[in-house]
Amino acid sequence: MAVHIADPFQLADRLAIVAFGCAVAYVLHLLGRVRVEADEEGLTLVNAVRTHRYSWPEVLDVTLLVGDPWPRIDFTDGRTIGAMGIQGSEKARARQATAELAALIRERGEAREK
C-alpha cells in the first residue's frame, strides 16, 4: 500500500504506513502466541507479554466464572494469574480445558488429596 499510494503523500507518509503495519503485526503476534502448556514438571502460561513457568506444587486451583474472558489460576504465594490461552468466549471448549487443567492440578499439584 505504501508503494502504490497517491502522489500527494510523501516519503514520511509512506514510512508511517509501513511502521503502522509493523505495529499491528507485532500486536497480533503477541495475541496469537498465548497458550497454556502442562507437562510432567509443571505449568507454563504464555500470555501476551510475559511467560510464566510454575512447578506443580506451586499451583493451587483454576477457576473460570461465567463471563470471565479467561480462567484464573491461583498459586501458593497468593498470586492469581489469568490464563489467556484458554478463551472464555469459547464456552464449552473453555469449560473442558479448565476442567482438564483442574484435574491435572488435583493429580499433580499442591491441592492433591492425601
N, C-alpha and C. Protein backbone atom coordinates (compact mmCIF):
# COMPACT_ATOMS: atom_id res chain seq x y z
N MET A 1 0.82 -1.18 0.00
CA MET A 1 0.00 0.00 0.00
C MET A 1 0.88 1.26 0.00
N ALA A 2 1.97 1.20 0.74
CA ALA A 2 2.84 2.38 0.82
C ALA A 2 3.48 2.70 -0.52
N VAL A 3 3.66 1.70 -1.37
CA VAL A 3 4.29 1.91 -2.68
C VAL A 3 3.30 2.52 -3.67
N HIS A 4 2.04 2.08 -3.60
CA HIS A 4 1.04 2.49 -4.59
C HIS A 4 0.13 3.61 -4.10
N ILE A 5 0.52 4.31 -3.06
CA ILE A 5 -0.32 5.38 -2.52
C ILE A 5 -0.27 6.59 -3.46
N ALA A 6 -1.31 7.42 -3.41
CA ALA A 6 -1.42 8.59 -4.30
C ALA A 6 -0.25 9.57 -4.12
N ASP A 7 0.01 10.35 -5.14
CA ASP A 7 1.14 11.27 -5.18
C ASP A 7 1.21 12.31 -4.07
N PRO A 8 0.13 12.85 -3.55
CA PRO A 8 0.31 13.89 -2.52
C PRO A 8 1.03 13.38 -1.27
N PHE A 9 1.09 12.10 -1.06
CA PHE A 9 1.76 11.55 0.11
C PHE A 9 3.27 11.47 -0.14
N GLN A 10 4.02 11.93 0.84
CA GLN A 10 5.47 11.97 0.73
C GLN A 10 6.10 10.72 1.34
N LEU A 11 7.43 10.66 1.33
CA LEU A 11 8.17 9.52 1.86
C LEU A 11 7.85 9.29 3.34
N ALA A 12 7.74 10.37 4.11
CA ALA A 12 7.43 10.23 5.54
C ALA A 12 6.08 9.55 5.75
N ASP A 13 5.09 9.89 4.91
CA ASP A 13 3.77 9.27 5.00
C ASP A 13 3.85 7.78 4.68
N ARG A 14 4.63 7.46 3.68
CA ARG A 14 4.79 6.05 3.29
C ARG A 14 5.49 5.25 4.39
N LEU A 15 6.50 5.85 5.01
CA LEU A 15 7.18 5.19 6.11
C LEU A 15 6.25 5.01 7.32
N ALA A 16 5.39 5.98 7.56
CA ALA A 16 4.43 5.89 8.65
C ALA A 16 3.44 4.74 8.41
N ILE A 17 3.03 4.54 7.18
CA ILE A 17 2.14 3.43 6.85
C ILE A 17 2.83 2.10 7.11
N VAL A 18 4.08 1.98 6.71
CA VAL A 18 4.85 0.75 6.95
C VAL A 18 5.02 0.51 8.44
N ALA A 19 5.35 1.56 9.20
CA ALA A 19 5.52 1.43 10.65
C ALA A 19 4.22 1.02 11.32
N PHE A 20 3.11 1.60 10.89
CA PHE A 20 1.81 1.23 11.46
C PHE A 20 1.50 -0.24 11.17
N GLY A 21 1.77 -0.69 9.96
CA GLY A 21 1.54 -2.09 9.61
C GLY A 21 2.40 -3.03 10.45
N CYS A 22 3.65 -2.64 10.69
CA CYS A 22 4.53 -3.45 11.54
C CYS A 22 4.02 -3.50 12.98
N ALA A 23 3.53 -2.37 13.49
CA ALA A 23 2.99 -2.33 14.85
C ALA A 23 1.76 -3.23 14.99
N VAL A 24 0.88 -3.19 14.02
CA VAL A 24 -0.31 -4.06 14.04
C VAL A 24 0.11 -5.53 13.97
N ALA A 25 1.07 -5.85 13.13
CA ALA A 25 1.55 -7.24 13.02
C ALA A 25 2.16 -7.71 14.33
N TYR A 26 2.89 -6.83 15.02
CA TYR A 26 3.52 -7.19 16.30
C TYR A 26 2.46 -7.47 17.37
N VAL A 27 1.45 -6.63 17.45
CA VAL A 27 0.37 -6.84 18.43
C VAL A 27 -0.37 -8.14 18.13
N LEU A 28 -0.65 -8.41 16.88
CA LEU A 28 -1.32 -9.66 16.51
C LEU A 28 -0.44 -10.87 16.84
N HIS A 29 0.86 -10.73 16.66
CA HIS A 29 1.78 -11.81 17.05
C HIS A 29 1.72 -12.06 18.55
N LEU A 30 1.74 -11.00 19.35
CA LEU A 30 1.65 -11.15 20.80
C LEU A 30 0.37 -11.86 21.21
N LEU A 31 -0.74 -11.48 20.61
CA LEU A 31 -2.02 -12.11 20.95
C LEU A 31 -2.13 -13.52 20.42
N GLY A 32 -1.44 -13.82 19.34
CA GLY A 32 -1.52 -15.15 18.75
C GLY A 32 -0.65 -16.19 19.42
N ARG A 33 0.27 -15.77 20.28
CA ARG A 33 1.18 -16.72 20.91
C ARG A 33 0.71 -17.20 22.28
N VAL A 34 -0.41 -16.68 22.78
CA VAL A 34 -0.87 -17.06 24.12
C VAL A 34 -1.25 -18.54 24.15
N ARG A 35 -0.87 -19.19 25.25
CA ARG A 35 -1.20 -20.61 25.41
C ARG A 35 -0.97 -21.04 26.86
N VAL A 36 -1.50 -22.21 27.19
CA VAL A 36 -1.28 -22.85 28.48
C VAL A 36 -0.73 -24.22 28.18
N GLU A 37 0.45 -24.53 28.71
CA GLU A 37 1.08 -25.83 28.48
C GLU A 37 1.33 -26.52 29.81
N ALA A 38 0.93 -27.78 29.89
CA ALA A 38 1.18 -28.58 31.08
C ALA A 38 2.08 -29.75 30.70
N ASP A 39 3.08 -30.02 31.54
CA ASP A 39 3.95 -31.18 31.33
C ASP A 39 4.21 -31.84 32.68
N GLU A 40 5.11 -32.79 32.69
CA GLU A 40 5.39 -33.53 33.92
C GLU A 40 5.94 -32.64 35.04
N GLU A 41 6.71 -31.62 34.69
CA GLU A 41 7.34 -30.77 35.70
C GLU A 41 6.45 -29.65 36.20
N GLY A 42 5.53 -29.18 35.37
CA GLY A 42 4.70 -28.08 35.81
C GLY A 42 3.87 -27.45 34.71
N LEU A 43 3.60 -26.19 34.90
CA LEU A 43 2.68 -25.45 34.06
C LEU A 43 3.39 -24.22 33.49
N THR A 44 3.19 -23.99 32.19
CA THR A 44 3.73 -22.80 31.53
C THR A 44 2.57 -21.97 31.01
N LEU A 45 2.52 -20.71 31.43
CA LEU A 45 1.50 -19.78 30.95
C LEU A 45 2.19 -18.75 30.07
N VAL A 46 1.84 -18.75 28.79
CA VAL A 46 2.37 -17.76 27.86
C VAL A 46 1.24 -16.78 27.60
N ASN A 47 1.34 -15.60 28.20
CA ASN A 47 0.36 -14.56 27.98
C ASN A 47 0.91 -13.58 26.94
N ALA A 48 0.19 -12.53 26.65
CA ALA A 48 0.57 -11.64 25.56
C ALA A 48 1.98 -11.08 25.71
N VAL A 49 2.36 -10.71 26.93
CA VAL A 49 3.65 -10.06 27.11
C VAL A 49 4.65 -10.93 27.88
N ARG A 50 4.17 -11.71 28.85
CA ARG A 50 5.07 -12.46 29.72
C ARG A 50 4.83 -13.95 29.63
N THR A 51 5.89 -14.70 29.94
CA THR A 51 5.80 -16.16 30.05
C THR A 51 6.10 -16.51 31.50
N HIS A 52 5.22 -17.31 32.09
CA HIS A 52 5.38 -17.73 33.48
C HIS A 52 5.56 -19.25 33.51
N ARG A 53 6.49 -19.72 34.32
CA ARG A 53 6.72 -21.16 34.47
C ARG A 53 6.57 -21.50 35.95
N TYR A 54 5.74 -22.50 36.26
CA TYR A 54 5.48 -22.91 37.63
C TYR A 54 5.59 -24.42 37.75
N SER A 55 6.10 -24.87 38.89
CA SER A 55 6.10 -26.31 39.17
C SER A 55 4.73 -26.66 39.74
N TRP A 56 4.35 -27.93 39.66
CA TRP A 56 3.03 -28.34 40.10
C TRP A 56 2.73 -28.00 41.56
N PRO A 57 3.67 -28.16 42.50
CA PRO A 57 3.35 -27.82 43.89
C PRO A 57 3.01 -26.34 44.11
N GLU A 58 3.38 -25.47 43.18
CA GLU A 58 3.07 -24.04 43.31
C GLU A 58 1.63 -23.72 42.91
N VAL A 59 0.96 -24.61 42.18
CA VAL A 59 -0.35 -24.34 41.61
C VAL A 59 -1.43 -24.89 42.55
N LEU A 60 -2.38 -24.02 42.93
CA LEU A 60 -3.45 -24.44 43.83
C LEU A 60 -4.75 -24.79 43.13
N ASP A 61 -5.22 -23.90 42.25
CA ASP A 61 -6.55 -24.09 41.68
C ASP A 61 -6.71 -23.27 40.40
N VAL A 62 -7.71 -23.64 39.62
CA VAL A 62 -8.06 -22.88 38.43
C VAL A 62 -9.58 -22.67 38.46
N THR A 63 -10.02 -21.45 38.15
CA THR A 63 -11.45 -21.15 38.13
C THR A 63 -11.79 -20.36 36.87
N LEU A 64 -12.95 -20.68 36.31
CA LEU A 64 -13.48 -19.95 35.16
C LEU A 64 -14.93 -19.63 35.47
N LEU A 65 -15.20 -18.38 35.80
CA LEU A 65 -16.55 -17.96 36.11
C LEU A 65 -17.26 -17.51 34.83
N VAL A 66 -18.57 -17.62 34.83
CA VAL A 66 -19.35 -17.21 33.66
C VAL A 66 -19.09 -15.73 33.39
N GLY A 67 -18.75 -15.41 32.16
CA GLY A 67 -18.49 -14.04 31.76
C GLY A 67 -17.03 -13.63 31.85
N ASP A 68 -16.18 -14.46 32.47
CA ASP A 68 -14.76 -14.14 32.54
C ASP A 68 -14.12 -14.34 31.17
N PRO A 69 -13.16 -13.48 30.80
CA PRO A 69 -12.52 -13.64 29.49
C PRO A 69 -11.59 -14.85 29.43
N TRP A 70 -11.04 -15.26 30.58
CA TRP A 70 -10.17 -16.44 30.65
C TRP A 70 -10.12 -16.92 32.09
N PRO A 71 -9.68 -18.17 32.32
CA PRO A 71 -9.62 -18.68 33.69
C PRO A 71 -8.54 -17.98 34.52
N ARG A 72 -8.70 -18.07 35.82
CA ARG A 72 -7.70 -17.54 36.75
C ARG A 72 -7.06 -18.72 37.47
N ILE A 73 -5.75 -18.67 37.57
CA ILE A 73 -5.01 -19.74 38.26
C ILE A 73 -4.44 -19.17 39.54
N ASP A 74 -4.72 -19.85 40.67
CA ASP A 74 -4.25 -19.43 41.98
C ASP A 74 -3.00 -20.19 42.35
N PHE A 75 -2.07 -19.49 43.01
CA PHE A 75 -0.79 -20.07 43.38
C PHE A 75 -0.58 -20.00 44.89
N THR A 76 0.35 -20.81 45.38
CA THR A 76 0.59 -20.92 46.81
C THR A 76 1.10 -19.63 47.44
N ASP A 77 1.71 -18.75 46.67
CA ASP A 77 2.22 -17.49 47.23
C ASP A 77 1.16 -16.39 47.25
N GLY A 78 -0.08 -16.72 46.92
CA GLY A 78 -1.18 -15.76 46.96
C GLY A 78 -1.47 -15.06 45.66
N ARG A 79 -0.65 -15.26 44.65
CA ARG A 79 -0.88 -14.63 43.35
C ARG A 79 -1.98 -15.34 42.58
N THR A 80 -2.63 -14.59 41.72
CA THR A 80 -3.61 -15.13 40.78
C THR A 80 -3.25 -14.56 39.41
N ILE A 81 -3.11 -15.45 38.42
CA ILE A 81 -2.73 -15.01 37.07
C ILE A 81 -3.77 -15.53 36.08
N GLY A 82 -4.16 -14.69 35.16
CA GLY A 82 -5.08 -15.09 34.11
C GLY A 82 -4.40 -15.95 33.07
N ALA A 83 -5.07 -17.02 32.67
CA ALA A 83 -4.54 -17.92 31.64
C ALA A 83 -5.18 -17.56 30.31
N MET A 84 -4.58 -16.59 29.61
CA MET A 84 -5.16 -16.08 28.37
C MET A 84 -5.25 -17.13 27.27
N GLY A 85 -4.51 -18.21 27.40
CA GLY A 85 -4.52 -19.27 26.39
C GLY A 85 -5.82 -20.05 26.34
N ILE A 86 -6.65 -19.92 27.36
CA ILE A 86 -7.97 -20.55 27.37
C ILE A 86 -8.98 -19.40 27.31
N GLN A 87 -9.63 -19.23 26.19
CA GLN A 87 -10.55 -18.11 25.99
C GLN A 87 -11.95 -18.46 26.47
N GLY A 88 -12.45 -17.69 27.44
CA GLY A 88 -13.79 -17.92 27.99
C GLY A 88 -14.89 -17.78 26.96
N SER A 89 -14.64 -17.04 25.90
CA SER A 89 -15.66 -16.85 24.86
C SER A 89 -15.93 -18.13 24.07
N GLU A 90 -15.05 -19.12 24.21
CA GLU A 90 -15.25 -20.39 23.51
C GLU A 90 -16.12 -21.36 24.31
N LYS A 91 -16.79 -20.85 25.32
CA LYS A 91 -17.74 -21.53 26.19
C LYS A 91 -17.41 -22.98 26.50
N ALA A 92 -17.97 -23.94 25.75
CA ALA A 92 -17.82 -25.37 26.08
C ALA A 92 -16.36 -25.81 26.03
N ARG A 93 -15.64 -25.33 25.03
CA ARG A 93 -14.23 -25.70 24.91
C ARG A 93 -13.42 -25.15 26.08
N ALA A 94 -13.73 -23.93 26.51
CA ALA A 94 -13.05 -23.33 27.66
C ALA A 94 -13.37 -24.08 28.94
N ARG A 95 -14.64 -24.48 29.12
CA ARG A 95 -15.01 -25.26 30.31
C ARG A 95 -14.29 -26.59 30.33
N GLN A 96 -14.19 -27.25 29.17
CA GLN A 96 -13.50 -28.53 29.08
C GLN A 96 -12.01 -28.37 29.39
N ALA A 97 -11.36 -27.36 28.80
CA ALA A 97 -9.94 -27.14 29.05
C ALA A 97 -9.68 -26.80 30.51
N THR A 98 -10.58 -26.02 31.11
CA THR A 98 -10.44 -25.67 32.52
C THR A 98 -10.61 -26.90 33.40
N ALA A 99 -11.57 -27.75 33.06
CA ALA A 99 -11.78 -28.99 33.83
C ALA A 99 -10.58 -29.92 33.71
N GLU A 100 -9.99 -30.02 32.53
CA GLU A 100 -8.79 -30.85 32.34
C GLU A 100 -7.62 -30.30 33.14
N LEU A 101 -7.46 -28.98 33.15
CA LEU A 101 -6.38 -28.37 33.91
C LEU A 101 -6.62 -28.56 35.42
N ALA A 102 -7.86 -28.44 35.86
CA ALA A 102 -8.18 -28.65 37.27
C ALA A 102 -7.87 -30.09 37.68
N ALA A 103 -8.15 -31.05 36.80
CA ALA A 103 -7.84 -32.45 37.09
C ALA A 103 -6.33 -32.65 37.22
N LEU A 104 -5.56 -32.02 36.35
CA LEU A 104 -4.10 -32.11 36.45
C LEU A 104 -3.59 -31.48 37.74
N ILE A 105 -4.20 -30.38 38.14
CA ILE A 105 -3.78 -29.72 39.38
C ILE A 105 -4.08 -30.62 40.57
N ARG A 106 -5.26 -31.25 40.58
CA ARG A 106 -5.59 -32.17 41.68
C ARG A 106 -4.65 -33.37 41.70
N GLU A 107 -4.28 -33.84 40.51
CA GLU A 107 -3.41 -35.02 40.41
C GLU A 107 -1.97 -34.72 40.80
N ARG A 108 -1.45 -33.57 40.35
CA ARG A 108 -0.02 -33.29 40.50
C ARG A 108 0.31 -32.12 41.40
N GLY A 109 -0.65 -31.26 41.68
CA GLY A 109 -0.35 -30.03 42.38
C GLY A 109 -0.44 -30.12 43.88
N GLU A 110 -0.30 -28.97 44.50
CA GLU A 110 -0.34 -28.84 45.96
C GLU A 110 -1.71 -29.23 46.50
N ALA A 111 -2.75 -29.06 45.71
CA ALA A 111 -4.11 -29.31 46.16
C ALA A 111 -4.50 -30.78 46.10
N ARG A 112 -3.58 -31.65 45.81
CA ARG A 112 -3.92 -33.06 45.65
C ARG A 112 -4.38 -33.67 46.97
N GLU A 113 -5.30 -34.62 46.85
CA GLU A 113 -5.84 -35.31 48.04
C GLU A 113 -4.79 -36.24 48.61
N LYS A 114 -4.74 -36.35 49.94
CA LYS A 114 -3.75 -37.24 50.58
C LYS A 114 -4.42 -38.42 51.20
